[in-house]
Amino acid sequence: MNKQIIISISREYGSGGHEIARQLAERLGISFYDRNMLDEIAQHMDVDVANLHKYDEKRRKPIISRTVRGHSNSPEEIIAEIQFDYIRKKAATGESFVVVGRCAEHILREYNGMIPIFILGDEAEKSKRIQMVRNVSDSEALSIMNRHDKTRKAYHNYHCPNKWGDSRSYEISINSSKLGIENTVDMLIDFINIRMETSEKAGS
């Protein structure tokens, strides 16, 4: 791939967005970043990665958090900023990659190769997927789904001016329940290829 491409995947919980992102990276032959970036960050900081995962993609707690001279004492906000800096540095090297969450569509918005995508799904299908993966009942799956989506929305909307899930914030939003994971990946590959070809022609 001659030109840099950065694909940001935002997703509803249970939509298969993470698996779609992983397959996109594999099909395109580019790097894949999700919470695995915390492993490298933890090693660099010489801390237990489990301590970082606790605060991953969560909004700061306003009651117990303070910001003094531009520095926050909120672990959620500190971890978020570390991850934002991580993907900024990756993008600045010219590397192509797929990144899941982490407000990447906003943080890396100035890059011409950025393609922001939102994956959603039908409630019933998302519940089935969660039940299968987590071995829980339908009611438990719905509770888990709502809790995770609420957390993701709060995190995203705190750090970004664009609203989580608003189709105007993404180049494409797709319901993975309609096509299934594999066909959704196929469709997105077609979209990405055409999008990159169009960009190259416009820049030539």
C-alpha atoms as a PDB file:
ATOM      1  CA  MET A   1       0.000   0.000   0.000  1.00  0.00           C
ATOM      2  CA  ASN A   2       1.678   3.175  -1.222  1.00  0.00           C
ATOM      3  CA  LYS A   3      -0.353   5.784   0.629  1.00  0.00           C
ATOM      4  CA  GLN A   4      -1.147   5.869   4.308  1.00  0.00           C
ATOM      5  CA  ILE A   5      -4.538   4.572   5.316  1.00  0.00           C
ATOM      6  CA  ILE A   6      -5.980   4.823   8.813  1.00  0.00           C
ATOM      7  CA  ILE A   7      -9.275   3.092   9.490  1.00  0.00           C
ATOM      8  CA  SER A   8     -11.030   3.972  12.724  1.00  0.00           C
ATOM      9  CA  ILE A   9     -13.749   1.580  13.880  1.00  0.00           C
ATOM     10  CA  SER A  10     -16.332   2.772  16.363  1.00  0.00           C
ATOM     11  CA  ARG A  11     -18.874   0.144  17.321  1.00  0.00           C
ATOM     12  CA  GLU A  12     -21.921  -0.783  19.318  1.00  0.00           C
ATOM     13  CA  TYR A  13     -21.292  -3.565  21.803  1.00  0.00           C
ATOM     14  CA  GLY A  14     -22.202  -6.943  20.327  1.00  0.00           C
ATOM     15  CA  SER A  15     -22.129  -5.693  16.734  1.00  0.00           C
ATOM     16  CA  GLY A  16     -18.956  -7.627  15.923  1.00  0.00           C
ATOM     17  CA  GLY A  17     -17.128  -4.361  15.297  1.00  0.00           C
ATOM     18  CA  HIS A  18     -13.932  -5.583  16.924  1.00  0.00           C
ATOM     19  CA  GLU A  19     -13.834  -8.753  14.803  1.00  0.00           C
ATOM     20  CA  ILE A  20     -14.625  -6.733  11.673  1.00  0.00           C
ATOM     21  CA  ALA A  21     -11.742  -4.385  12.485  1.00  0.00           C
ATOM     22  CA  ARG A  22      -9.362  -7.310  13.022  1.00  0.00           C
ATOM     23  CA  GLN A  23     -10.325  -8.904   9.720  1.00  0.00           C
ATOM     24  CA  LEU A  24      -9.986  -5.600   7.867  1.00  0.00           C
ATOM     25  CA  ALA A  25      -6.437  -5.201   9.167  1.00  0.00           C
ATOM     26  CA  GLU A  26      -5.600  -8.773   8.180  1.00  0.00           C
ATOM     27  CA  ARG A  27      -7.110  -8.442   4.687  1.00  0.00           C
ATOM     28  CA  LEU A  28      -5.370  -5.119   4.055  1.00  0.00           C
ATOM     29  CA  GLY A  29      -2.057  -6.287   5.518  1.00  0.00           C
ATOM     30  CA  ILE A  30      -1.791  -3.401   7.984  1.00  0.00           C
ATOM     31  CA  SER A  31      -1.357  -3.063  11.748  1.00  0.00           C
ATOM     32  CA  PHE A  32      -4.221  -3.520  14.185  1.00  0.00           C
ATOM     33  CA  TYR A  33      -4.576  -1.518  17.381  1.00  0.00           C
ATOM     34  CA  ASP A  34      -7.150  -1.947  20.105  1.00  0.00           C
ATOM     35  CA  ARG A  35      -6.594  -2.345  23.817  1.00  0.00           C
ATOM     36  CA  ASN A  36      -3.453  -4.313  22.914  1.00  0.00           C
ATOM     37  CA  MET A  37      -1.670  -0.958  22.724  1.00  0.00           C
ATOM     38  CA  LEU A  38      -1.855  -0.907  26.515  1.00  0.00           C
ATOM     39  CA  ASP A  39       0.547  -3.862  26.651  1.00  0.00           C
ATOM     40  CA  GLU A  40       3.257  -1.807  24.941  1.00  0.00           C
ATOM     41  CA  ILE A  41       2.386   1.277  26.987  1.00  0.00           C
ATOM     42  CA  ALA A  42       2.534  -0.697  30.261  1.00  0.00           C
ATOM     43  CA  GLN A  43       5.919  -2.148  29.335  1.00  0.00           C
ATOM     44  CA  HIS A  44       7.255   1.306  28.525  1.00  0.00           C
ATOM     45  CA  MET A  45       5.881   2.731  31.803  1.00  0.00           C
ATOM     46  CA  ASP A  46       6.981  -0.376  33.774  1.00  0.00           C
ATOM     47  CA  VAL A  47       3.519  -0.859  35.297  1.00  0.00           C
ATOM     48  CA  ASP A  48       1.065  -3.764  35.530  1.00  0.00           C
ATOM     49  CA  VAL A  49      -1.073  -3.716  32.388  1.00  0.00           C
ATOM     50  CA  ALA A  50      -4.100  -4.804  34.448  1.00  0.00           C
ATOM     51  CA  ASN A  51      -3.979  -1.433  36.187  1.00  0.00           C
ATOM     52  CA  LEU A  52      -4.311   0.287  32.808  1.00  0.00           C
ATOM     53  CA  HIS A  53      -7.114  -1.933  31.513  1.00  0.00           C
ATOM     54  CA  LYS A  54      -9.316  -0.906  34.454  1.00  0.00           C
ATOM     55  CA  TYR A  55      -9.527   2.644  33.097  1.00  0.00           C
ATOM     56  CA  ASP A  56      -9.566   1.881  29.359  1.00  0.00           C
ATOM     57  CA  GLU A  57     -12.221   3.762  27.330  1.00  0.00           C
ATOM     58  CA  LYS A  58     -13.939   5.151  30.403  1.00  0.00           C
ATOM     59  CA  ARG A  59     -14.881   8.740  31.149  1.00  0.00           C
ATOM     60  CA  ARG A  60     -13.273  10.497  34.104  1.00  0.00           C
ATOM     61  CA  LYS A  61     -15.260  10.566  37.343  1.00  0.00           C
ATOM     62  CA  PRO A  62     -16.017  14.281  37.799  1.00  0.00           C
ATOM     63  CA  ILE A  63     -16.730  14.076  41.538  1.00  0.00           C
ATOM     64  CA  ILE A  64     -13.263  12.790  42.471  1.00  0.00           C
ATOM     65  CA  SER A  65     -11.239  14.210  39.576  1.00  0.00           C
ATOM     66  CA  ARG A  66      -9.420  17.519  39.468  1.00  0.00           C
ATOM     67  CA  THR A  67      -7.328  19.347  36.913  1.00  0.00           C
ATOM     68  CA  VAL A  68      -4.547  21.584  38.217  1.00  0.00           C
ATOM     69  CA  ARG A  69      -2.421  23.663  35.831  1.00  0.00           C
ATOM     70  CA  GLY A  70      -3.549  21.538  32.922  1.00  0.00           C
ATOM     71  CA  HIS A  71      -2.760  18.228  34.635  1.00  0.00           C
ATOM     72  CA  SER A  72      -5.539  15.824  35.585  1.00  0.00           C
ATOM     73  CA  ASN A  73      -5.451  13.388  38.497  1.00  0.00           C
ATOM     74  CA  SER A  74      -8.078  11.202  36.810  1.00  0.00           C
ATOM     75  CA  PRO A  75      -6.636   7.782  35.834  1.00  0.00           C
ATOM     76  CA  GLU A  76      -9.316   7.479  33.128  1.00  0.00           C
ATOM     77  CA  GLU A  77      -8.259  10.749  31.552  1.00  0.00           C
ATOM     78  CA  ILE A  78      -4.540  10.020  31.909  1.00  0.00           C
ATOM     79  CA  ILE A  79      -4.932   6.625  30.168  1.00  0.00           C
ATOM     80  CA  ALA A  80      -7.037   8.209  27.427  1.00  0.00           C
ATOM     81  CA  GLU A  81      -4.441  10.884  26.727  1.00  0.00           C
ATOM     82  CA  ILE A  82      -1.627   8.323  26.706  1.00  0.00           C
ATOM     83  CA  GLN A  83      -3.518   6.291  24.092  1.00  0.00           C
ATOM     84  CA  PHE A  84      -4.306   9.392  22.033  1.00  0.00           C
ATOM     85  CA  ASP A  85      -0.612  10.247  22.035  1.00  0.00           C
ATOM     86  CA  TYR A  86       0.227   6.648  21.091  1.00  0.00           C
ATOM     87  CA  ILE A  87      -1.941   6.654  17.953  1.00  0.00           C
ATOM     88  CA  ARG A  88      -0.789  10.179  17.049  1.00  0.00           C
ATOM     89  CA  LYS A  89       2.822   8.965  17.053  1.00  0.00           C
ATOM     90  CA  LYS A  90       1.914   5.889  14.982  1.00  0.00           C
ATOM     91  CA  ALA A  91       0.114   8.060  12.441  1.00  0.00           C
ATOM     92  CA  ALA A  92       2.966  10.583  12.323  1.00  0.00           C
ATOM     93  CA  THR A  93       5.374   7.862  11.171  1.00  0.00           C
ATOM     94  CA  GLY A  94       3.229   7.282   8.072  1.00  0.00           C
ATOM     95  CA  GLU A  95       2.178   3.829   9.268  1.00  0.00           C
ATOM     96  CA  SER A  96      -1.122   2.422   7.990  1.00  0.00           C
ATOM     97  CA  PHE A  97      -3.349   0.766  10.573  1.00  0.00           C
ATOM     98  CA  VAL A  98      -6.825  -0.091  11.822  1.00  0.00           C
ATOM     99  CA  VAL A  99      -7.691   1.264  15.261  1.00  0.00           C
ATOM    100  CA  VAL A 100     -10.697   0.324  17.368  1.00  0.00           C
ATOM    101  CA  GLY A 101     -12.295   3.123  19.414  1.00  0.00           C
ATOM    102  CA  ARG A 102     -10.007   5.579  21.214  1.00  0.00           C
ATOM    103  CA  CYS A 103     -11.775   8.535  19.517  1.00  0.00           C
ATOM    104  CA  ALA A 104      -9.426   8.000  16.578  1.00  0.00           C
ATOM    105  CA  GLU A 105     -11.751   9.570  14.012  1.00  0.00           C
ATOM    106  CA  HIS A 106     -11.403  12.843  15.916  1.00  0.00           C
ATOM    107  CA  ILE A 107      -7.833  12.545  17.222  1.00  0.00           C
ATOM    108  CA  LEU A 108      -6.455  11.748  13.744  1.00  0.00           C
ATOM    109  CA  ARG A 109      -8.957  13.790  11.716  1.00  0.00           C
ATOM    110  CA  GLU A 110      -6.256  15.820   9.936  1.00  0.00           C
ATOM    111  CA  TYR A 111      -4.888  12.770   8.094  1.00  0.00           C
ATOM    112  CA  ASN A 112      -6.108  12.464   4.500  1.00  0.00           C
ATOM    113  CA  GLY A 113      -6.025   8.683   4.701  1.00  0.00           C
ATOM    114  CA  MET A 114      -8.408   8.569   7.654  1.00  0.00           C
ATOM    115  CA  ILE A 115     -11.567   6.548   7.006  1.00  0.00           C
ATOM    116  CA  PRO A 116     -13.934   6.615  10.009  1.00  0.00           C
ATOM    117  CA  ILE A 117     -16.457   3.760  10.173  1.00  0.00           C
ATOM    118  CA  PHE A 118     -19.264   3.008  12.629  1.00  0.00           C
ATOM    119  CA  ILE A 119     -20.550  -0.549  13.118  1.00  0.00           C
ATOM    120  CA  LEU A 120     -24.029  -1.003  14.538  1.00  0.00           C
ATOM    121  CA  GLY A 121     -26.414  -3.947  14.758  1.00  0.00           C
ATOM    122  CA  ASP A 122     -29.928  -5.125  15.502  1.00  0.00           C
ATOM    123  CA  GLU A 123     -30.587  -5.581  19.212  1.00  0.00           C
ATOM    124  CA  ALA A 124     -31.689  -9.213  18.877  1.00  0.00           C
ATOM    125  CA  GLU A 125     -28.622 -10.161  16.841  1.00  0.00           C
ATOM    126  CA  LYS A 126     -26.270  -8.325  19.174  1.00  0.00           C
ATOM    127  CA  SER A 127     -27.846 -10.095  22.137  1.00  0.00           C
ATOM    128  CA  LYS A 128     -27.358 -13.496  20.465  1.00  0.00           C
ATOM    129  CA  ARG A 129     -23.703 -12.734  19.854  1.00  0.00           C
ATOM    130  CA  ILE A 130     -23.135 -11.645  23.467  1.00  0.00           C
ATOM    131  CA  GLN A 131     -24.969 -14.713  24.775  1.00  0.00           C
ATOM    132  CA  MET A 132     -22.739 -16.983  22.705  1.00  0.00           C
ATOM    133  CA  VAL A 133     -19.468 -15.233  23.574  1.00  0.00           C
ATOM    134  CA  ARG A 134     -20.183 -14.591  27.264  1.00  0.00           C
ATOM    135  CA  ASN A 135     -22.455 -17.587  27.987  1.00  0.00           C
ATOM    136  CA  VAL A 136     -25.206 -15.464  29.538  1.00  0.00           C
ATOM    137  CA  SER A 137     -28.990 -15.218  29.270  1.00  0.00           C
ATOM    138  CA  ASP A 138     -30.813 -12.834  26.937  1.00  0.00           C
ATOM    139  CA  SER A 139     -31.665 -10.432  29.767  1.00  0.00           C
ATOM    140  CA  GLU A 140     -28.061 -10.474  30.985  1.00  0.00           C
ATOM    141  CA  ALA A 141     -26.821  -9.878  27.435  1.00  0.00           C
ATOM    142  CA  LEU A 142     -29.098  -6.861  27.018  1.00  0.00           C
ATOM    143  CA  SER A 143     -27.906  -5.455  30.341  1.00  0.00           C
ATOM    144  CA  ILE A 144     -24.249  -5.931  29.368  1.00  0.00           C
ATOM    145  CA  MET A 145     -24.882  -4.365  25.961  1.00  0.00           C
ATOM    146  CA  ASN A 146     -26.597  -1.294  27.386  1.00  0.00           C
ATOM    147  CA  ARG A 147     -23.934  -0.828  30.064  1.00  0.00           C
ATOM    148  CA  HIS A 148     -21.039  -1.002  27.604  1.00  0.00           C
ATOM    149  CA  ASP A 149     -22.710   1.286  25.064  1.00  0.00           C
ATOM    150  CA  LYS A 150     -23.491   3.824  27.776  1.00  0.00           C
ATOM    151  CA  THR A 151     -19.839   3.776  28.882  1.00  0.00           C
ATOM    152  CA  ARG A 152     -18.530   4.100  25.308  1.00  0.00           C
ATOM    153  CA  LYS A 153     -20.910   6.946  24.540  1.00  0.00           C
ATOM    154  CA  ALA A 154     -19.936   8.863  27.689  1.00  0.00           C
ATOM    155  CA  TYR A 155     -16.208   8.361  26.991  1.00  0.00           C
ATOM    156  CA  HIS A 156     -16.470   9.410  23.357  1.00  0.00           C
ATOM    157  CA  ASN A 157     -18.720  12.400  23.910  1.00  0.00           C
ATOM    158  CA  TYR A 158     -16.470  13.668  26.708  1.00  0.00           C
ATOM    159  CA  HIS A 159     -13.360  13.686  24.501  1.00  0.00           C
ATOM    160  CA  CYS A 160     -14.897  14.531  21.110  1.00  0.00           C
ATOM    161  CA  PRO A 161     -17.095  17.334  19.732  1.00  0.00           C
ATOM    162  CA  ASN A 162     -18.807  14.854  17.409  1.00  0.00           C
ATOM    163  CA  LYS A 163     -21.387  12.575  19.005  1.00  0.00           C
ATOM    164  CA  TRP A 164     -20.907   8.823  19.272  1.00  0.00           C
ATOM    165  CA  GLY A 165     -22.936   7.027  16.623  1.00  0.00           C
ATOM    166  CA  ASP A 166     -23.940  10.184  14.723  1.00  0.00           C
ATOM    167  CA  SER A 167     -23.697   9.127  11.066  1.00  0.00           C
ATOM    168  CA  ARG A 168     -22.414  12.583  10.091  1.00  0.00           C
ATOM    169  CA  SER A 169     -19.215  11.826  12.005  1.00  0.00           C
ATOM    170  CA  TYR A 170     -18.326   8.800   9.871  1.00  0.00           C
ATOM    171  CA  GLU A 171     -17.764   8.111   6.192  1.00  0.00           C
ATOM    172  CA  ILE A 172     -19.846   4.980   6.454  1.00  0.00           C
ATOM    173  CA  SER A 173     -22.152   3.448   9.083  1.00  0.00           C
ATOM    174  CA  ILE A 174     -23.180  -0.150   8.543  1.00  0.00           C
ATOM    175  CA  ASN A 175     -25.531  -2.586  10.273  1.00  0.00           C
ATOM    176  CA  SER A 176     -23.506  -5.799  10.502  1.00  0.00           C
ATOM    177  CA  SER A 177     -26.645  -7.783  11.382  1.00  0.00           C
ATOM    178  CA  LYS A 178     -27.921  -7.441   7.814  1.00  0.00           C
ATOM    179  CA  LEU A 179     -24.893  -8.920   6.033  1.00  0.00           C
ATOM    180  CA  GLY A 180     -23.076 -10.857   8.750  1.00  0.00           C
ATOM    181  CA  ILE A 181     -19.446 -10.371   9.716  1.00  0.00           C
ATOM    182  CA  GLU A 182     -17.751 -11.810   6.621  1.00  0.00           C
ATOM    183  CA  ASN A 183     -19.970  -9.996   4.100  1.00  0.00           C
ATOM    184  CA  THR A 184     -19.684  -6.766   6.056  1.00  0.00           C
ATOM    185  CA  VAL A 185     -15.891  -7.053   5.837  1.00  0.00           C
ATOM    186  CA  ASP A 186     -16.139  -7.717   2.088  1.00  0.00           C
ATOM    187  CA  MET A 187     -18.335  -4.666   1.572  1.00  0.00           C
ATOM    188  CA  LEU A 188     -16.034  -2.443   3.620  1.00  0.00           C
ATOM    189  CA  ILE A 189     -12.974  -3.655   1.710  1.00  0.00           C
ATOM    190  CA  ASP A 190     -14.696  -2.616  -1.533  1.00  0.00           C
ATOM    191  CA  PHE A 191     -15.574   0.770  -0.043  1.00  0.00           C
ATOM    192  CA  ILE A 192     -12.043   1.342   1.261  1.00  0.00           C
ATOM    193  CA  ASN A 193     -10.428   0.413  -2.054  1.00  0.00           C
ATOM    194  CA  ILE A 194     -12.702   2.725  -4.042  1.00  0.00           C
ATOM    195  CA  ARG A 195     -12.271   5.488  -1.470  1.00  0.00           C
ATOM    196  CA  MET A 196      -8.466   5.265  -1.676  1.00  0.00           C
ATOM    197  CA  GLU A 197      -8.488   5.135  -5.492  1.00  0.00           C
ATOM    198  CA  THR A 198     -10.684   8.226  -5.603  1.00  0.00           C
ATOM    199  CA  SER A 199      -8.387  10.040  -3.162  1.00  0.00           C
ATOM    200  CA  GLU A 200      -5.314   9.172  -5.222  1.00  0.00           C
ATOM    201  CA  LYS A 201      -6.938  10.446  -8.424  1.00  0.00           C
ATOM    202  CA  ALA A 202      -8.000  13.658  -6.716  1.00  0.00           C
ATOM    203  CA  GLY A 203      -4.456  14.193  -5.433  1.00  0.00           C
ATOM    204  CA  SER A 204      -2.716  13.443  -8.716  1.00  0.00           C
END
